[in-house]
Amino acid sequence: MQIKADLKIQRGDFQLSAKFSVPAKGITAIFGPSGCGKTTLLRILAGLEDNASGTLSIGDNHWQTEQSSLPTWQRPIGYVFQEASLFPHLSVIENLKYPLKRINNRQRQKSNKPQLELSKIIQLTGIEHLIDRLPASLSGGERQRVAIARALLTQPELLLMDEPLSALDLKSKSELLPFLEQLHQQLDIPVFYVSHSPEEVARLADQLILMESGKVTAVGPLAEMLARNDTLIAQREDAFSVLQCKVISHQPAHHLTELEFGQQRLRIPMIDAAAGSNVRLRVQARDISINLDCPQLSSILNILPATITDISNGQLEQSLPGQRLVQLQVGDALINAKISDYSCSRLALTPGMQVFAQIKAMALCG
């Protein structure tokens, strides 16, 4: 099943034109610079923009056509904003029960999915100990957990999240990210997740929509999108790739974890994950160096045979002058290395060359 959109809106000098098709499952991250239209797109999906035109369908359900548009209250969505927006005079449990009054029986009967009950959602979001407290007594991370639980209680067929971590301090973010990862694994609800944080995108997204100046510039599976060198995200100083790995073992004496990546092995700083579990690894392009020969003695622990598949040809000159992105095939995965134009010329790198990618263990982020 696909979510298909071809949506437009004009606001003064700003025009949004968003056309895309993504699977109706997993997390689709909407990524781009401030002011590019990410939140506006989310509001159109929710039916909150009266002047929006175009089409929107979730599978066989048409939420918007050129002739008609479902009002927000008829769209089975959950919406989590940057701020939790809880009712300050109501306890947590009263905040959670409020949306239950607004879900009509016909909406419940139309859904083909099992209903998420209040007790289950409280357990799922880990807020059992908070239910009698008022919002003012909660931390930012706790308030967002309650807001997510409240959104889930509307029994949504689509969950919209607008930078839910952006207003939180570093400690709250570090606590909430693993929680969102667990929700991703346990819930069968498609999510549109607006963010400008590469870390959140790397850890949560399955699909990626890139936006710039009100337009969708690229859309596709996360790893495929990150491997391209012609996108806005590739031109950032913190450009990165994502690798799907499996935990093989831990080496406490050296505080390292060994991962399996295809036929290759990687060592990273020790993480809290059981052997056999799957982890997602973020590799920054600037932390990958290229060698023509396999180093025999090196302090760099991760040395991977690779094939050059593409080299940027001046696309970075405006944003990152003097640098090149080199796309590398490592096993079944594509990753980008960012090196100087001088090094690219000195090594005479060309597509098709067999090289070795070097990645410092301390540079890898699980």
Protein backbone atom coordinates (compact mmCIF):
# COMPACT_ATOMS: atom_id res chain seq x y z
CA MET A 1 0.00 0.00 0.00
CA GLN A 2 1.25 3.47 -0.91
CA ILE A 3 0.70 7.00 0.34
CA LYS A 4 0.48 9.20 -2.76
CA ALA A 5 0.44 12.99 -2.69
CA ASP A 6 0.45 15.78 -5.24
CA LEU A 7 -0.21 18.89 -3.14
CA LYS A 8 0.11 22.64 -3.63
CA ILE A 9 -0.48 25.82 -1.65
CA GLN A 10 0.34 29.49 -2.18
CA ARG A 11 1.08 31.78 0.76
CA GLY A 12 2.14 35.23 -0.35
CA ASP A 13 5.51 34.81 -2.05
CA PHE A 14 5.91 31.23 -0.77
CA GLN A 15 4.64 28.35 -2.88
CA LEU A 16 4.69 24.71 -1.82
CA SER A 17 4.53 21.99 -4.45
CA ALA A 18 4.99 18.47 -3.08
CA LYS A 19 4.61 15.33 -5.16
CA PHE A 20 5.68 11.95 -3.77
CA SER A 21 4.74 8.31 -3.26
CA VAL A 22 6.00 6.34 -0.24
CA PRO A 23 5.08 2.98 1.36
CA ALA A 24 2.28 3.20 3.93
CA LYS A 25 4.50 1.67 6.61
CA GLY A 26 7.48 2.61 8.73
CA ILE A 27 8.78 6.13 9.30
CA THR A 28 9.09 8.61 6.45
CA ALA A 29 11.32 11.50 7.51
CA ILE A 30 10.76 14.92 5.93
CA PHE A 31 14.12 16.69 5.97
CA GLY A 32 15.25 20.11 4.82
CA PRO A 33 16.39 23.56 5.96
CA SER A 34 14.23 25.88 8.05
CA GLY A 35 11.50 27.56 6.02
CA CYS A 36 11.47 24.98 3.22
CA GLY A 37 7.85 23.93 3.90
CA LYS A 38 8.18 20.81 6.07
CA THR A 39 5.60 21.84 8.67
CA THR A 40 3.29 23.27 6.00
CA LEU A 41 3.34 19.90 4.22
CA LEU A 42 2.48 18.13 7.46
CA ARG A 43 -0.43 20.55 8.05
CA ILE A 44 -1.76 19.87 4.54
CA LEU A 45 -1.62 16.12 5.19
CA ALA A 46 -3.63 16.76 8.36
CA GLY A 47 -6.23 18.82 6.47
CA LEU A 48 -5.36 21.98 8.41
CA GLU A 49 -4.72 24.16 5.35
CA ASP A 50 -8.00 25.21 3.70
CA ASN A 51 -6.32 26.70 0.62
CA ALA A 52 -4.36 23.57 -0.28
CA SER A 53 -5.14 21.93 -3.62
CA GLY A 54 -4.20 18.64 -5.25
CA THR A 55 -4.63 15.00 -4.33
CA LEU A 56 -3.83 12.75 -1.36
CA SER A 57 -4.59 9.05 -0.99
CA ILE A 58 -3.72 6.37 1.56
CA GLY A 59 -4.09 3.12 -0.31
CA ASP A 60 -7.62 3.14 -1.76
CA ASN A 61 -8.80 5.91 0.58
CA HIS A 62 -8.84 9.33 -1.06
CA TRP A 63 -8.42 12.02 1.57
CA GLN A 64 -8.19 14.81 -0.98
CA THR A 65 -9.12 15.11 -4.65
CA GLU A 66 -9.36 18.06 -7.02
CA GLN A 67 -13.10 18.21 -6.20
CA SER A 68 -13.23 17.53 -2.45
CA SER A 69 -11.18 17.26 0.73
CA LEU A 70 -11.88 15.41 3.98
CA PRO A 71 -11.94 17.81 6.94
CA THR A 72 -9.37 17.20 9.65
CA TRP A 73 -11.87 15.60 12.03
CA GLN A 74 -12.66 12.91 9.45
CA ARG A 75 -9.01 12.03 8.77
CA PRO A 76 -7.79 9.19 11.02
CA ILE A 77 -4.58 10.93 12.07
CA GLY A 78 -2.56 11.49 15.23
CA TYR A 79 -0.55 14.71 15.45
CA VAL A 80 2.43 15.35 17.75
CA PHE A 81 3.67 18.94 17.77
CA GLN A 82 7.02 20.47 18.77
CA GLU A 83 5.43 21.41 22.10
CA ALA A 84 3.39 18.76 23.92
CA SER A 85 0.33 21.10 24.19
CA LEU A 86 -1.26 19.21 27.08
CA PHE A 87 -4.21 20.64 28.98
CA PRO A 88 -2.48 22.18 32.04
CA HIS A 89 -5.48 21.80 34.37
CA LEU A 90 -5.93 18.08 33.63
CA SER A 91 -3.87 15.21 35.01
CA VAL A 92 -1.99 12.92 32.65
CA ILE A 93 -4.73 10.29 32.73
CA GLU A 94 -7.39 12.96 32.07
CA ASN A 95 -5.35 14.29 29.15
CA LEU A 96 -5.20 10.76 27.75
CA LYS A 97 -8.93 10.15 28.13
CA TYR A 98 -9.87 13.40 26.40
CA PRO A 99 -9.41 12.16 22.77
CA LEU A 100 -11.43 9.02 23.56
CA LYS A 101 -14.52 11.22 23.80
CA ARG A 102 -13.90 12.53 20.29
CA ILE A 103 -13.58 9.19 18.48
CA ASN A 104 -16.97 8.16 17.16
CA ASN A 105 -17.99 4.52 16.93
CA ARG A 106 -18.14 4.61 13.13
CA GLN A 107 -14.46 5.64 13.04
CA ARG A 108 -13.57 2.69 15.27
CA GLN A 109 -15.58 0.24 13.15
CA LYS A 110 -14.05 1.45 9.87
CA SER A 111 -10.53 0.66 11.02
CA ASN A 112 -9.27 -2.78 10.00
CA LYS A 113 -6.45 -2.65 12.53
CA PRO A 114 -6.64 -3.89 16.14
CA GLN A 115 -7.59 -1.10 18.54
CA LEU A 116 -4.89 0.18 20.89
CA GLU A 117 -6.40 0.24 24.37
CA LEU A 118 -5.61 2.88 27.00
CA SER A 119 -3.77 0.47 29.34
CA LYS A 120 -1.69 -0.90 26.46
CA ILE A 121 -0.64 2.58 25.30
CA ILE A 122 0.24 3.66 28.84
CA GLN A 123 2.46 0.58 29.13
CA LEU A 124 3.91 1.03 25.64
CA THR A 125 4.92 4.64 26.28
CA GLY A 126 6.24 3.92 29.78
CA ILE A 127 4.15 6.53 31.60
CA GLU A 128 2.49 4.35 34.25
CA HIS A 129 4.16 6.34 37.04
CA LEU A 130 2.99 9.69 35.62
CA ILE A 131 -0.76 9.22 35.21
CA ASP A 132 -1.85 11.18 38.33
CA ARG A 133 0.50 14.12 37.81
CA LEU A 134 -0.20 17.51 36.21
CA PRO A 135 1.75 18.57 33.08
CA ALA A 136 3.58 21.34 34.97
CA SER A 137 5.32 18.71 37.11
CA LEU A 138 6.65 16.73 34.11
CA SER A 139 9.96 17.08 32.31
CA GLY A 140 9.98 17.99 28.61
CA GLY A 141 10.63 14.38 27.62
CA GLU A 142 7.82 13.11 29.87
CA ARG A 143 5.38 15.61 28.40
CA GLN A 144 6.23 14.44 24.87
CA ARG A 145 5.69 10.81 25.88
CA VAL A 146 2.22 11.75 27.11
CA ALA A 147 1.57 13.71 23.88
CA ILE A 148 2.56 10.67 21.81
CA ALA A 149 0.34 8.39 23.93
CA ARG A 150 -2.56 10.82 23.44
CA ALA A 151 -2.00 10.85 19.66
CA LEU A 152 -1.98 7.03 19.59
CA LEU A 153 -5.28 6.89 21.48
CA THR A 154 -7.05 8.49 18.50
CA GLN A 155 -6.42 5.11 16.76
CA PRO A 156 -4.64 6.83 13.84
CA GLU A 157 -4.04 5.30 10.44
CA LEU A 158 -1.32 7.93 9.97
CA LEU A 159 0.84 9.54 12.68
CA LEU A 160 2.27 13.01 12.02
CA MET A 161 5.21 14.19 14.14
CA ASP A 162 6.50 17.75 13.77
CA GLU A 163 10.04 17.93 15.23
CA PRO A 164 8.93 16.32 18.51
CA LEU A 165 12.44 16.52 19.99
CA SER A 166 13.42 20.04 18.93
CA ALA A 167 12.21 21.76 22.11
CA LEU A 168 13.93 19.27 24.44
CA ASP A 169 17.27 19.52 26.23
CA LEU A 170 20.07 17.09 25.37
CA LYS A 171 19.28 14.74 28.28
CA SER A 172 15.58 14.50 27.34
CA LYS A 173 16.45 13.92 23.67
CA SER A 174 18.84 11.10 24.55
CA GLU A 175 16.08 9.44 26.61
CA LEU A 176 13.32 9.89 24.03
CA LEU A 177 15.19 8.73 20.91
CA PRO A 178 15.52 5.08 22.10
CA PHE A 179 11.83 5.22 23.08
CA LEU A 180 10.88 6.33 19.54
CA GLU A 181 13.02 3.52 18.12
CA GLN A 182 11.07 1.00 20.22
CA LEU A 183 7.73 2.48 19.11
CA HIS A 184 8.89 2.15 15.52
CA GLN A 185 9.51 -1.57 16.03
CA GLN A 186 6.28 -2.27 17.93
CA LEU A 187 3.64 -0.24 16.08
CA ASP A 188 2.20 -0.88 12.63
CA ILE A 189 1.32 2.74 11.88
CA PRO A 190 2.91 4.79 9.08
CA VAL A 191 4.61 7.91 10.42
CA PHE A 192 5.60 11.20 8.78
CA TYR A 193 8.40 12.65 10.89
CA VAL A 194 9.59 16.23 10.31
CA SER A 195 13.17 16.89 11.39
CA HIS A 196 16.29 18.87 10.62
CA SER A 197 18.43 16.58 12.82
CA PRO A 198 20.67 14.11 10.94
CA GLU A 199 20.89 11.93 14.07
CA GLU A 200 17.10 11.53 14.28
CA VAL A 201 16.86 10.77 10.57
CA ALA A 202 19.67 8.20 10.78
CA ARG A 203 18.16 6.39 13.76
CA LEU A 204 14.47 6.46 12.88
CA ALA A 205 13.74 6.84 9.17
CA ASP A 206 12.95 4.11 6.65
CA GLN A 207 12.08 6.51 3.83
CA LEU A 208 13.35 10.04 3.25
CA ILE A 209 11.67 13.04 1.62
CA LEU A 210 14.07 15.91 0.95
CA MET A 211 12.65 19.41 0.64
CA GLU A 212 14.09 22.72 -0.46
CA SER A 213 12.35 26.06 -1.13
CA GLY A 214 8.86 24.54 -1.00
CA LYS A 215 9.59 21.62 -3.31
CA VAL A 216 10.24 17.92 -2.84
CA THR A 217 13.66 17.49 -4.44
CA ALA A 218 14.11 13.76 -3.85
CA VAL A 219 12.31 10.82 -2.23
CA GLY A 220 13.20 7.17 -1.62
CA PRO A 221 14.56 4.58 0.84
CA LEU A 222 16.89 6.10 3.45
CA ALA A 223 20.14 4.31 2.56
CA GLU A 224 19.62 4.94 -1.16
CA MET A 225 18.93 8.64 -0.62
CA LEU A 226 21.92 9.15 1.65
CA ALA A 227 24.25 7.50 -0.86
CA ARG A 228 23.44 10.05 -3.57
CA ASN A 229 25.89 12.90 -4.00
CA ASP A 230 23.53 15.30 -5.81
CA THR A 231 21.20 16.16 -2.90
CA LEU A 232 21.13 18.94 -0.34
CA ILE A 233 21.88 16.50 2.48
CA ALA A 234 25.03 15.33 0.67
CA GLN A 235 26.25 18.91 0.47
CA ARG A 236 26.11 19.42 4.22
CA GLU A 237 29.28 19.40 6.28
CA ASP A 238 27.76 16.54 8.35
CA ALA A 239 26.72 14.36 5.37
CA PHE A 240 26.40 10.72 6.42
CA SER A 241 25.47 7.20 5.37
CA VAL A 242 23.62 4.47 7.27
CA LEU A 243 24.64 0.81 7.58
CA GLN A 244 22.45 -2.04 8.82
CA CYS A 245 24.57 -4.29 11.04
CA LYS A 246 24.29 -7.20 13.47
CA VAL A 247 26.00 -7.38 16.85
CA ILE A 248 28.51 -10.24 16.93
CA SER A 249 30.26 -9.79 20.27
CA HIS A 250 31.54 -7.35 22.86
CA GLN A 251 35.17 -6.85 23.89
CA PRO A 252 34.98 -5.32 27.39
CA ALA A 253 38.75 -5.22 27.81
CA HIS A 254 38.97 -2.77 24.92
CA HIS A 255 35.47 -1.29 25.36
CA LEU A 256 34.55 -2.28 21.80
CA THR A 257 31.60 -3.97 20.09
CA GLU A 258 32.13 -6.09 16.99
CA LEU A 259 29.49 -5.87 14.27
CA GLU A 260 28.76 -7.89 11.15
CA PHE A 261 28.10 -5.87 8.04
CA GLY A 262 27.50 -8.15 5.06
CA GLN A 263 30.74 -10.15 4.78
CA GLN A 264 32.67 -7.49 6.68
CA ARG A 265 33.35 -6.89 10.36
CA LEU A 266 33.30 -3.48 12.05
CA ARG A 267 34.47 -2.40 15.49
CA ILE A 268 32.81 0.49 17.26
CA PRO A 269 32.81 1.88 20.84
CA MET A 270 30.88 -0.54 23.04
CA ILE A 271 27.10 -0.26 22.84
CA ASP A 272 24.33 -1.68 25.02
CA ALA A 273 22.91 -4.29 22.65
CA ALA A 274 22.67 -8.07 22.88
CA ALA A 275 24.65 -10.32 20.56
CA GLY A 276 22.54 -11.16 17.51
CA SER A 277 20.50 -7.95 17.63
CA ASN A 278 20.33 -5.61 14.67
CA VAL A 279 21.67 -2.08 14.93
CA ARG A 280 21.80 0.89 12.60
CA LEU A 281 25.14 2.62 12.22
CA ARG A 282 25.66 6.24 11.15
CA VAL A 283 28.89 6.90 9.24
CA GLN A 284 29.83 10.49 8.50
CA ALA A 285 31.35 11.03 5.06
CA ARG A 286 34.15 13.19 6.48
CA ASP A 287 35.26 10.27 8.71
CA ILE A 288 35.99 7.95 5.77
CA SER A 289 39.41 8.06 4.10
CA ILE A 290 40.48 6.19 0.97
CA ASN A 291 43.63 4.16 0.39
CA LEU A 292 44.73 2.52 -2.86
CA ASP A 293 46.43 -0.33 -0.98
CA CYS A 294 45.36 -2.25 2.10
CA PRO A 295 47.35 -0.89 5.06
CA GLN A 296 49.22 -3.64 6.89
CA LEU A 297 49.82 -1.82 10.16
CA SER A 298 47.36 0.89 11.10
CA SER A 299 45.65 2.27 14.19
CA ILE A 300 42.44 2.48 12.14
CA LEU A 301 40.43 -0.64 12.98
CA ASN A 302 37.93 -0.65 10.12
CA ILE A 303 39.47 -1.14 6.68
CA LEU A 304 36.95 -2.26 4.07
CA PRO A 305 37.50 -3.25 0.43
CA ALA A 306 35.36 -1.03 -1.78
CA THR A 307 34.66 -0.07 -5.38
CA ILE A 308 34.27 3.54 -6.47
CA THR A 309 30.89 3.92 -8.18
CA ASP A 310 30.67 7.71 -8.57
CA ILE A 311 32.57 10.93 -7.84
CA SER A 312 30.90 14.33 -7.48
CA ASN A 313 31.87 16.66 -10.26
CA GLY A 314 31.81 20.15 -8.84
CA GLN A 315 28.40 19.86 -7.09
CA LEU A 316 30.01 20.74 -3.76
CA GLU A 317 31.91 23.79 -5.01
CA GLN A 318 29.30 26.28 -3.83
CA SER A 319 28.66 24.86 -0.37
CA LEU A 320 31.94 23.04 0.36
CA PRO A 321 34.66 24.31 -1.99
CA GLY A 322 37.68 22.09 -2.59
CA GLN A 323 35.88 18.89 -1.56
CA ARG A 324 34.60 15.83 -3.43
CA LEU A 325 32.11 13.14 -2.51
CA VAL A 326 33.25 9.68 -3.52
CA GLN A 327 30.49 7.07 -3.63
CA LEU A 328 31.73 3.63 -2.59
CA GLN A 329 30.17 0.20 -2.97
CA VAL A 330 31.01 -1.80 0.15
CA GLY A 331 29.41 -5.22 -0.12
CA ASP A 332 25.72 -4.56 -0.86
CA ALA A 333 25.77 -1.05 0.59
CA LEU A 334 26.62 2.36 -0.85
CA ILE A 335 28.40 4.92 1.34
CA ASN A 336 29.91 8.33 0.67
CA ALA A 337 33.42 9.47 1.56
CA LYS A 338 34.21 13.17 1.61
CA ILE A 339 37.79 13.95 0.63
CA SER A 340 39.66 16.96 -0.72
CA ASP A 341 39.69 17.67 -4.43
CA TYR A 342 43.50 17.61 -4.17
CA SER A 343 43.50 14.04 -2.75
CA CYS A 344 41.06 12.91 -5.43
CA SER A 345 43.42 14.22 -8.14
CA ARG A 346 46.60 12.97 -6.45
CA LEU A 347 45.23 9.42 -6.16
CA ALA A 348 43.76 9.68 -9.69
CA LEU A 349 40.46 8.25 -8.42
CA THR A 350 37.93 7.21 -11.05
CA PRO A 351 34.68 5.18 -11.01
CA GLY A 352 35.35 1.43 -11.16
CA MET A 353 38.59 1.55 -9.14
CA GLN A 354 39.12 -0.95 -6.34
CA VAL A 355 40.15 0.87 -3.15
CA PHE A 356 40.05 0.51 0.64
CA ALA A 357 37.78 2.61 2.84
CA GLN A 358 39.21 3.41 6.27
CA ILE A 359 36.90 4.32 9.15
CA LYS A 360 38.12 5.05 12.66
CA ALA A 361 36.22 3.06 15.29
CA MET A 362 35.79 6.15 17.46
CA ALA A 363 34.04 7.95 14.59
CA LEU A 364 31.18 5.45 14.26
CA CYS A 365 27.83 6.22 15.88
CA GLY A 366 25.43 3.45 16.82
